[in-house]
Structures are given as structure tokens and as C-alpha cells.
Amino acid sequence: MILGMTCLIYLSVNLGAVELFGSDTYNISATFGSIEGLEPGATVEIAGVPVGKVKRISLEEYNARVDMEIRKGTEISDDTIASIRTKGIIGDKFIKLSPGGSEDILEENDALMDTESAISIEELISKYIFEK
């Protein structure tokens, strides 16, 4: 009985993402004009290396606010550029962080100021078709 309860607690903590002893991440945010196709849970990468994930997406003054969880130990400067990119031609969307040269590091609940919105493949194709 005790072994069963221990297994149940273990699975609940691991699968439910419950934090018992504090978090090993910190939160930052960024505001985009368009996040077309980006979903909560998408990866956040620097130089192709996953360093976090998208926690929440909300609408703020007709712009999309993206809250991200970044692993502690990953230093992100305040002039980092956040871009929404696609893996492959029609793959999943993710956020690419391109670090700048500033020595000022973002802390818990800080925001990135420089962003690049998602590129819509449909809009590019329709522009190409209808402009000729």
C-alpha cells in the first residue's frame, strides 16, 4: 500500500509538473505584433539549444504577450532579440533568442523589448501570386 502511494505521488509530481522544492526556471516576457501558429509549450532556443519554453500567451493592447520560462543559469541580456521561427518549412513554431552585446542581464518577470513577429507563409504566397 505504501509503495503504491509512493508511486502515485512520484507520477503526480513528474507528470503534473508540480514544483515541490522551488523552481529551476525564471520567467521573462516579450510582446509581438503577431504570433501566428505559436502555442504554449513551444521551445525557446538560443543558437539552436533549447533553454526554455513558452508558458502562456495573452492579448495585451492588441498585441500578443508571450510569457516564457527560462532555465536558471541561462543569462539573457536586455538587448536580446526574440524572433518567432518555424522548424523546417511547415514545422512547429518556436522562439529564437539572439543575444546582444549588453552586460545587463534580465531577471525574474523582466521583458524583452526587441521582437520580430511570425512570418505568415500564406501572406507571402498570396503577395507573390496576386502581385504578378
N, C-alpha and C. Protein backbone atom coordinates (compact mmCIF):
# COMPACT_ATOMS: atom_id res chain seq x y z
N MET A 1 0.83 -1.19 0.00
CA MET A 1 0.00 0.00 0.00
C MET A 1 0.87 1.26 0.00
N ILE A 2 1.93 1.25 0.84
CA ILE A 2 2.82 2.40 0.92
C ILE A 2 3.58 2.57 -0.40
N LEU A 3 4.02 1.47 -0.98
CA LEU A 3 4.72 1.51 -2.26
C LEU A 3 3.81 2.09 -3.35
N GLY A 4 2.57 1.71 -3.37
CA GLY A 4 1.61 2.22 -4.34
C GLY A 4 1.39 3.71 -4.19
N MET A 5 1.25 4.18 -2.95
CA MET A 5 1.07 5.62 -2.70
C MET A 5 2.32 6.40 -3.11
N THR A 6 3.49 5.84 -2.86
CA THR A 6 4.74 6.49 -3.23
C THR A 6 4.84 6.63 -4.75
N CYS A 7 4.48 5.57 -5.46
CA CYS A 7 4.48 5.62 -6.92
C CYS A 7 3.49 6.65 -7.44
N LEU A 8 2.32 6.71 -6.86
CA LEU A 8 1.30 7.67 -7.27
C LEU A 8 1.77 9.10 -7.06
N ILE A 9 2.40 9.37 -5.93
CA ILE A 9 2.92 10.72 -5.65
C ILE A 9 4.03 11.06 -6.64
N TYR A 10 4.92 10.11 -6.88
CA TYR A 10 6.02 10.32 -7.83
C TYR A 10 5.48 10.68 -9.22
N LEU A 11 4.52 9.91 -9.72
CA LEU A 11 3.95 10.18 -11.03
C LEU A 11 3.21 11.51 -11.07
N SER A 12 2.51 11.85 -10.01
CA SER A 12 1.79 13.12 -9.95
C SER A 12 2.74 14.29 -10.03
N VAL A 13 3.84 14.20 -9.32
CA VAL A 13 4.81 15.30 -9.32
C VAL A 13 5.49 15.41 -10.67
N ASN A 14 5.94 14.31 -11.25
CA ASN A 14 6.67 14.36 -12.51
C ASN A 14 5.77 14.66 -13.71
N LEU A 15 4.65 14.03 -13.81
CA LEU A 15 3.77 14.24 -14.96
C LEU A 15 2.94 15.51 -14.83
N GLY A 16 2.65 15.91 -13.63
CA GLY A 16 1.83 17.09 -13.41
C GLY A 16 2.64 18.37 -13.32
N ALA A 17 3.95 18.29 -13.44
CA ALA A 17 4.85 19.44 -13.36
C ALA A 17 4.65 20.22 -12.07
N VAL A 18 4.46 19.51 -10.97
CA VAL A 18 4.30 20.13 -9.66
C VAL A 18 5.68 20.43 -9.12
N GLU A 19 5.85 21.64 -8.58
CA GLU A 19 7.14 22.04 -8.04
C GLU A 19 7.09 21.99 -6.52
N LEU A 20 7.76 21.01 -5.96
CA LEU A 20 7.75 20.86 -4.51
C LEU A 20 8.85 21.67 -3.83
N PHE A 21 10.00 21.75 -4.46
CA PHE A 21 11.16 22.36 -3.82
C PHE A 21 11.63 23.61 -4.54
N GLY A 22 10.73 24.39 -5.08
CA GLY A 22 11.12 25.59 -5.82
C GLY A 22 11.29 25.29 -7.29
N SER A 23 11.45 26.33 -8.05
CA SER A 23 11.54 26.18 -9.49
C SER A 23 12.98 26.32 -9.96
N ASP A 24 13.31 25.61 -11.03
CA ASP A 24 14.63 25.75 -11.63
C ASP A 24 14.57 26.63 -12.87
N THR A 25 13.51 27.45 -12.97
CA THR A 25 13.34 28.37 -14.08
C THR A 25 13.01 29.77 -13.56
N TYR A 26 13.16 30.74 -14.46
CA TYR A 26 12.68 32.09 -14.16
C TYR A 26 11.87 32.56 -15.36
N ASN A 27 11.01 33.55 -15.15
CA ASN A 27 10.06 33.99 -16.17
C ASN A 27 10.48 35.32 -16.78
N ILE A 28 10.38 35.41 -18.11
CA ILE A 28 10.52 36.67 -18.82
C ILE A 28 9.38 36.74 -19.82
N SER A 29 9.17 37.91 -20.40
CA SER A 29 8.10 38.06 -21.37
C SER A 29 8.57 38.87 -22.57
N ALA A 30 7.79 38.82 -23.63
CA ALA A 30 8.05 39.59 -24.84
C ALA A 30 6.71 39.88 -25.51
N THR A 31 6.62 41.01 -26.18
CA THR A 31 5.39 41.40 -26.86
C THR A 31 5.61 41.41 -28.37
N PHE A 32 4.73 40.73 -29.10
CA PHE A 32 4.84 40.59 -30.54
C PHE A 32 3.60 41.16 -31.21
N GLY A 33 3.77 41.63 -32.46
CA GLY A 33 2.63 42.08 -33.24
C GLY A 33 1.80 40.91 -33.75
N SER A 34 2.46 39.79 -34.01
CA SER A 34 1.77 38.57 -34.48
C SER A 34 2.55 37.35 -34.02
N ILE A 35 1.84 36.37 -33.51
CA ILE A 35 2.49 35.12 -33.09
C ILE A 35 1.86 33.93 -33.82
N GLU A 36 1.37 34.16 -34.99
CA GLU A 36 0.63 33.15 -35.76
C GLU A 36 1.26 31.77 -35.67
N GLY A 37 0.54 30.81 -35.09
CA GLY A 37 0.98 29.42 -35.02
C GLY A 37 1.76 29.06 -33.77
N LEU A 38 2.16 30.04 -32.96
CA LEU A 38 2.91 29.74 -31.74
C LEU A 38 1.95 29.23 -30.67
N GLU A 39 2.32 28.19 -29.97
CA GLU A 39 1.47 27.58 -28.95
C GLU A 39 2.19 27.53 -27.61
N PRO A 40 1.44 27.55 -26.50
CA PRO A 40 2.08 27.31 -25.20
C PRO A 40 2.78 25.95 -25.20
N GLY A 41 3.96 25.90 -24.62
CA GLY A 41 4.75 24.68 -24.62
C GLY A 41 5.80 24.65 -25.71
N ALA A 42 5.76 25.62 -26.63
CA ALA A 42 6.77 25.70 -27.69
C ALA A 42 8.13 25.98 -27.07
N THR A 43 9.19 25.54 -27.73
CA THR A 43 10.52 25.72 -27.17
C THR A 43 11.04 27.14 -27.38
N VAL A 44 11.95 27.52 -26.50
CA VAL A 44 12.70 28.77 -26.61
C VAL A 44 14.15 28.35 -26.78
N GLU A 45 14.81 28.85 -27.84
CA GLU A 45 16.16 28.40 -28.16
C GLU A 45 17.13 29.56 -28.30
N ILE A 46 18.38 29.29 -27.94
CA ILE A 46 19.49 30.19 -28.23
C ILE A 46 20.51 29.35 -29.01
N ALA A 47 20.86 29.79 -30.21
CA ALA A 47 21.82 29.08 -31.06
C ALA A 47 21.42 27.63 -31.29
N GLY A 48 20.12 27.36 -31.38
CA GLY A 48 19.63 26.01 -31.62
C GLY A 48 19.54 25.13 -30.40
N VAL A 49 19.92 25.67 -29.23
CA VAL A 49 19.89 24.89 -27.99
C VAL A 49 18.65 25.28 -27.18
N PRO A 50 17.79 24.32 -26.83
CA PRO A 50 16.62 24.65 -26.02
C PRO A 50 17.02 25.16 -24.64
N VAL A 51 16.49 26.34 -24.27
CA VAL A 51 16.79 26.92 -22.96
C VAL A 51 15.52 27.20 -22.15
N GLY A 52 14.37 26.90 -22.73
CA GLY A 52 13.12 27.17 -22.03
C GLY A 52 11.92 26.80 -22.88
N LYS A 53 10.77 27.29 -22.42
CA LYS A 53 9.53 27.02 -23.17
C LYS A 53 8.55 28.16 -22.97
N VAL A 54 7.58 28.23 -23.88
CA VAL A 54 6.52 29.22 -23.79
C VAL A 54 5.54 28.77 -22.72
N LYS A 55 5.31 29.62 -21.74
CA LYS A 55 4.43 29.27 -20.63
C LYS A 55 2.99 29.70 -20.90
N ARG A 56 2.81 30.94 -21.36
CA ARG A 56 1.46 31.47 -21.54
C ARG A 56 1.47 32.50 -22.66
N ILE A 57 0.34 32.60 -23.36
CA ILE A 57 0.16 33.61 -24.40
C ILE A 57 -1.12 34.37 -24.08
N SER A 58 -1.03 35.71 -24.10
CA SER A 58 -2.20 36.52 -23.81
C SER A 58 -2.24 37.74 -24.73
N LEU A 59 -3.39 38.37 -24.78
CA LEU A 59 -3.57 39.56 -25.61
C LEU A 59 -3.48 40.79 -24.72
N GLU A 60 -2.62 41.74 -25.12
CA GLU A 60 -2.42 42.97 -24.36
C GLU A 60 -2.39 44.13 -25.33
N GLU A 61 -3.40 44.98 -25.28
CA GLU A 61 -3.48 46.16 -26.14
C GLU A 61 -3.27 45.81 -27.61
N TYR A 62 -3.97 44.79 -28.09
CA TYR A 62 -3.95 44.33 -29.47
C TYR A 62 -2.60 43.76 -29.91
N ASN A 63 -1.76 43.43 -28.97
CA ASN A 63 -0.51 42.73 -29.24
C ASN A 63 -0.49 41.45 -28.43
N ALA A 64 0.32 40.51 -28.86
CA ALA A 64 0.42 39.22 -28.17
C ALA A 64 1.57 39.28 -27.16
N ARG A 65 1.26 39.00 -25.91
CA ARG A 65 2.30 38.91 -24.88
C ARG A 65 2.61 37.43 -24.66
N VAL A 66 3.89 37.10 -24.76
CA VAL A 66 4.34 35.72 -24.60
C VAL A 66 5.18 35.65 -23.33
N ASP A 67 4.72 34.84 -22.37
CA ASP A 67 5.48 34.60 -21.14
C ASP A 67 6.28 33.32 -21.33
N MET A 68 7.57 33.39 -21.00
CA MET A 68 8.48 32.27 -21.21
C MET A 68 9.13 31.85 -19.90
N GLU A 69 9.35 30.56 -19.75
CA GLU A 69 10.11 30.01 -18.63
C GLU A 69 11.50 29.68 -19.16
N ILE A 70 12.51 30.28 -18.55
CA ILE A 70 13.90 30.07 -18.96
C ILE A 70 14.64 29.36 -17.84
N ARG A 71 15.44 28.36 -18.20
CA ARG A 71 16.22 27.62 -17.19
C ARG A 71 17.16 28.55 -16.45
N LYS A 72 17.22 28.41 -15.13
CA LYS A 72 18.17 29.18 -14.35
C LYS A 72 19.57 28.84 -14.80
N GLY A 73 20.43 29.82 -14.78
CA GLY A 73 21.78 29.64 -15.27
C GLY A 73 21.94 30.13 -16.69
N THR A 74 20.83 30.35 -17.39
CA THR A 74 20.87 30.90 -18.74
C THR A 74 20.72 32.41 -18.62
N GLU A 75 21.79 33.12 -18.92
CA GLU A 75 21.76 34.57 -18.81
C GLU A 75 21.31 35.16 -20.14
N ILE A 76 20.30 36.03 -20.07
CA ILE A 76 19.76 36.68 -21.26
C ILE A 76 19.92 38.18 -21.06
N SER A 77 20.66 38.81 -21.98
CA SER A 77 20.90 40.25 -21.87
C SER A 77 19.64 41.02 -22.26
N ASP A 78 19.57 42.28 -21.81
CA ASP A 78 18.36 43.06 -22.04
C ASP A 78 18.20 43.52 -23.50
N ASP A 79 19.24 43.36 -24.33
CA ASP A 79 19.11 43.73 -25.74
C ASP A 79 18.97 42.51 -26.65
N THR A 80 18.59 41.38 -26.07
CA THR A 80 18.35 40.16 -26.84
C THR A 80 17.13 40.35 -27.73
N ILE A 81 17.19 39.82 -28.94
CA ILE A 81 16.07 39.89 -29.88
C ILE A 81 15.33 38.56 -29.87
N ALA A 82 14.02 38.60 -29.66
CA ALA A 82 13.18 37.40 -29.69
C ALA A 82 12.46 37.33 -31.03
N SER A 83 12.66 36.24 -31.75
CA SER A 83 12.03 36.05 -33.06
C SER A 83 11.21 34.77 -33.05
N ILE A 84 10.09 34.80 -33.74
CA ILE A 84 9.28 33.59 -33.89
C ILE A 84 9.68 32.94 -35.20
N ARG A 85 10.15 31.71 -35.11
CA ARG A 85 10.65 30.98 -36.27
C ARG A 85 9.90 29.67 -36.42
N THR A 86 10.10 29.04 -37.58
CA THR A 86 9.48 27.76 -37.89
C THR A 86 10.56 26.71 -38.07
N LYS A 87 10.34 25.54 -37.47
CA LYS A 87 11.26 24.42 -37.69
C LYS A 87 10.90 23.79 -39.01
N GLY A 88 11.80 23.86 -39.96
CA GLY A 88 11.51 23.34 -41.29
C GLY A 88 10.62 24.30 -42.06
N ILE A 89 10.07 23.82 -43.15
CA ILE A 89 9.23 24.68 -44.00
C ILE A 89 7.86 24.90 -43.39
N ILE A 90 7.22 23.84 -42.92
CA ILE A 90 5.88 23.98 -42.34
C ILE A 90 5.83 23.32 -40.96
N GLY A 91 6.92 23.40 -40.23
CA GLY A 91 7.01 22.74 -38.93
C GLY A 91 6.44 23.58 -37.81
N ASP A 92 6.74 23.16 -36.59
CA ASP A 92 6.27 23.85 -35.40
C ASP A 92 6.96 25.19 -35.24
N LYS A 93 6.28 26.12 -34.60
CA LYS A 93 6.84 27.43 -34.30
C LYS A 93 7.61 27.36 -32.99
N PHE A 94 8.66 28.16 -32.88
CA PHE A 94 9.43 28.28 -31.65
C PHE A 94 9.96 29.69 -31.55
N ILE A 95 10.50 30.05 -30.40
CA ILE A 95 11.08 31.38 -30.22
C ILE A 95 12.59 31.26 -30.23
N LYS A 96 13.21 32.03 -31.10
CA LYS A 96 14.66 32.07 -31.20
C LYS A 96 15.13 33.35 -30.51
N LEU A 97 16.03 33.20 -29.54
CA LEU A 97 16.61 34.35 -28.86
C LEU A 97 18.00 34.60 -29.44
N SER A 98 18.23 35.83 -29.90
CA SER A 98 19.53 36.23 -30.44
C SER A 98 20.15 37.23 -29.47
N PRO A 99 21.12 36.79 -28.67
CA PRO A 99 21.70 37.67 -27.66
C PRO A 99 22.41 38.87 -28.26
N GLY A 100 22.35 39.97 -27.53
CA GLY A 100 23.05 41.19 -27.94
C GLY A 100 24.36 41.31 -27.20
N GLY A 101 24.88 42.52 -27.12
CA GLY A 101 26.16 42.74 -26.50
C GLY A 101 26.10 43.40 -25.14
N SER A 102 24.91 43.65 -24.65
CA SER A 102 24.76 44.33 -23.36
C SER A 102 25.20 43.44 -22.20
N GLU A 103 25.68 44.07 -21.16
CA GLU A 103 26.06 43.33 -19.96
C GLU A 103 24.94 43.30 -18.93
N ASP A 104 23.84 44.01 -19.19
CA ASP A 104 22.69 44.00 -18.28
C ASP A 104 21.88 42.73 -18.53
N ILE A 105 21.69 41.93 -17.48
CA ILE A 105 21.02 40.64 -17.59
C ILE A 105 19.58 40.76 -17.09
N LEU A 106 18.65 40.11 -17.82
CA LEU A 106 17.25 40.11 -17.39
C LEU A 106 17.07 39.26 -16.14
N GLU A 107 16.15 39.68 -15.30
CA GLU A 107 15.83 38.95 -14.08
C GLU A 107 14.37 38.51 -14.14
N GLU A 108 13.91 37.88 -13.07
CA GLU A 108 12.54 37.40 -12.96
C GLU A 108 11.53 38.48 -13.35
N ASN A 109 10.60 38.15 -14.25
CA ASN A 109 9.50 39.00 -14.70
C ASN A 109 9.92 40.22 -15.49
N ASP A 110 11.16 40.26 -16.00
CA ASP A 110 11.57 41.33 -16.91
C ASP A 110 11.03 41.04 -18.30
N ALA A 111 11.13 42.03 -19.20
CA ALA A 111 10.59 41.88 -20.54
C ALA A 111 11.65 42.19 -21.59
N LEU A 112 11.60 41.43 -22.68
CA LEU A 112 12.44 41.72 -23.85
C LEU A 112 11.77 42.83 -24.64
N MET A 113 12.56 43.77 -25.12
CA MET A 113 11.99 44.91 -25.85
C MET A 113 12.03 44.71 -27.37
N ASP A 114 13.03 44.00 -27.86
CA ASP A 114 13.19 43.82 -29.30
C ASP A 114 12.61 42.48 -29.73
N THR A 115 11.61 42.51 -30.62
CA THR A 115 10.97 41.29 -31.08
C THR A 115 10.77 41.33 -32.60
N GLU A 116 10.68 40.15 -33.19
CA GLU A 116 10.34 40.00 -34.60
C GLU A 116 9.16 39.05 -34.68
N SER A 117 8.07 39.51 -35.26
CA SER A 117 6.84 38.72 -35.33
C SER A 117 6.97 37.55 -36.29
N ALA A 118 6.00 36.66 -36.22
CA ALA A 118 5.97 35.49 -37.08
C ALA A 118 5.72 35.90 -38.53
N ILE A 119 6.36 35.17 -39.43
CA ILE A 119 6.15 35.39 -40.86
C ILE A 119 5.08 34.42 -41.32
N SER A 120 4.06 34.93 -41.97
CA SER A 120 2.97 34.10 -42.45
C SER A 120 3.27 33.63 -43.87
N ILE A 121 3.43 32.32 -44.02
CA ILE A 121 3.70 31.73 -45.34
C ILE A 121 2.54 32.02 -46.29
N GLU A 122 1.31 31.97 -45.77
CA GLU A 122 0.14 32.23 -46.61
C GLU A 122 0.16 33.64 -47.17
N GLU A 123 0.53 34.63 -46.33
CA GLU A 123 0.60 36.01 -46.80
C GLU A 123 1.68 36.19 -47.84
N LEU A 124 2.84 35.56 -47.65
CA LEU A 124 3.91 35.66 -48.63
C LEU A 124 3.49 35.07 -49.97
N ILE A 125 2.84 33.92 -49.94
CA ILE A 125 2.40 33.25 -51.18
C ILE A 125 1.34 34.11 -51.88
N SER A 126 0.39 34.65 -51.12
CA SER A 126 -0.67 35.44 -51.75
C SER A 126 -0.10 36.74 -52.34
N LYS A 127 0.88 37.34 -51.69
CA LYS A 127 1.51 38.53 -52.27
C LYS A 127 2.20 38.19 -53.58
N TYR A 128 2.91 37.07 -53.59
CA TYR A 128 3.63 36.66 -54.80
C TYR A 128 2.65 36.37 -55.94
N ILE A 129 1.55 35.69 -55.64
CA ILE A 129 0.59 35.30 -56.67
C ILE A 129 -0.17 36.51 -57.22
N PHE A 130 -0.65 37.38 -56.31
CA PHE A 130 -1.51 38.47 -56.74
C PHE A 130 -0.78 39.72 -57.21
N GLU A 131 0.52 39.79 -57.01
CA GLU A 131 1.27 40.96 -57.50
C GLU A 131 1.69 40.79 -58.93
N LYS A 132 1.64 39.58 -59.46
CA LYS A 132 2.07 39.38 -60.86
C LYS A 132 0.93 39.40 -61.80
